[in-house]
Protein backbone atom coordinates (compact mmCIF):
# COMPACT_ATOMS: atom_id res chain seq x y z
CA MET A 1 -0.27 0.00 0.33
CA VAL A 2 1.14 3.66 -0.85
CA SER A 3 -0.82 5.50 0.72
CA VAL A 4 -3.40 5.56 4.09
CA GLY A 5 -5.43 8.62 5.03
CA GLY A 6 -5.26 10.03 8.54
CA PRO A 7 -7.86 8.45 10.57
CA ASP A 8 -7.42 5.17 8.85
CA THR A 9 -3.98 5.66 10.02
CA ALA A 10 -5.16 6.00 13.66
CA LYS A 11 -6.82 3.26 13.12
CA ILE A 12 -3.55 1.52 12.12
CA ILE A 13 -1.95 2.57 15.10
CA ARG A 14 -4.37 1.46 17.53
CA THR A 15 -3.77 -2.09 16.09
CA ASP A 16 0.32 -1.66 16.93
CA ILE A 17 0.93 -1.56 13.79
CA TYR A 18 2.89 1.61 12.52
CA PRO A 19 2.69 2.04 8.51
CA LEU A 20 5.88 3.96 7.32
CA LYS A 21 5.26 6.50 4.23
CA LYS A 22 7.12 5.80 0.78
CA ILE A 23 5.33 7.90 -1.34
CA GLU A 24 7.35 6.02 -4.57
CA GLY A 25 6.29 2.30 -3.35
CA GLY A 26 8.41 -0.10 -4.10
CA GLU A 27 9.40 -4.10 -3.78
CA ALA A 28 8.70 -5.11 -0.05
CA THR A 29 12.01 -6.56 0.02
CA GLU A 30 13.41 -3.91 -1.13
CA ILE A 31 11.71 -1.58 1.42
CA ILE A 32 12.27 -4.36 4.65
CA LYS A 33 16.22 -3.88 3.38
CA GLU A 34 16.34 -0.21 4.16
CA PHE A 35 14.37 -0.59 7.32
CA GLN A 36 16.85 -3.22 8.55
CA LYS A 37 19.22 -0.96 7.84
CA VAL A 38 18.06 1.98 9.66
CA MET A 39 17.08 -0.53 12.69
CA SER A 40 20.76 -1.66 12.91
CA GLY A 41 22.13 1.87 13.07
CA SER A 42 20.10 4.37 14.92
CA PRO A 43 16.38 4.20 14.61
CA PRO A 44 14.36 7.67 13.95
CA PRO A 45 13.43 9.18 17.92
CA TRP A 46 9.66 7.92 17.05
CA LEU A 47 10.34 4.41 16.34
CA ALA A 48 12.81 3.90 19.38
CA LYS A 49 10.03 5.35 21.52
CA ILE A 50 7.63 2.27 20.08
CA LEU A 51 11.04 0.08 21.03
CA GLY A 52 11.00 1.38 25.14
CA VAL A 53 13.86 3.44 24.15
CA THR A 54 14.05 6.24 27.24
CA ALA A 55 13.56 9.76 25.42
CA GLU A 56 17.25 10.49 27.04
CA GLN A 57 18.55 7.99 24.92
CA ARG A 58 16.46 8.45 21.83
CA LEU A 59 17.62 12.05 22.00
CA LYS A 60 21.07 11.81 22.56
CA ASN A 61 22.27 11.77 19.08
CA TYR A 62 20.02 14.64 18.38
CA HIS A 63 22.49 17.05 20.63
CA GLY A 64 24.79 19.58 18.74
CA SER A 65 27.87 18.08 17.55
CA ASP A 66 30.05 20.01 20.05
CA GLU A 67 28.71 17.09 22.46
CA GLY A 68 30.52 14.72 20.42
């Protein structure tokens, strides 16, 4: 599926499924490979939250570069 409307997205999320927006679509196997690459590195804060990562840990990678 390429697109889901707002109300339907809310219904999907209530079932603990989190849709990802991929406007151009693509082969499921390629999209899963991209997703796995993100998961093995540093997932975005919204995904880390779903995975149970604390707020402090989620945001540590998003501080200014001078905190290195």
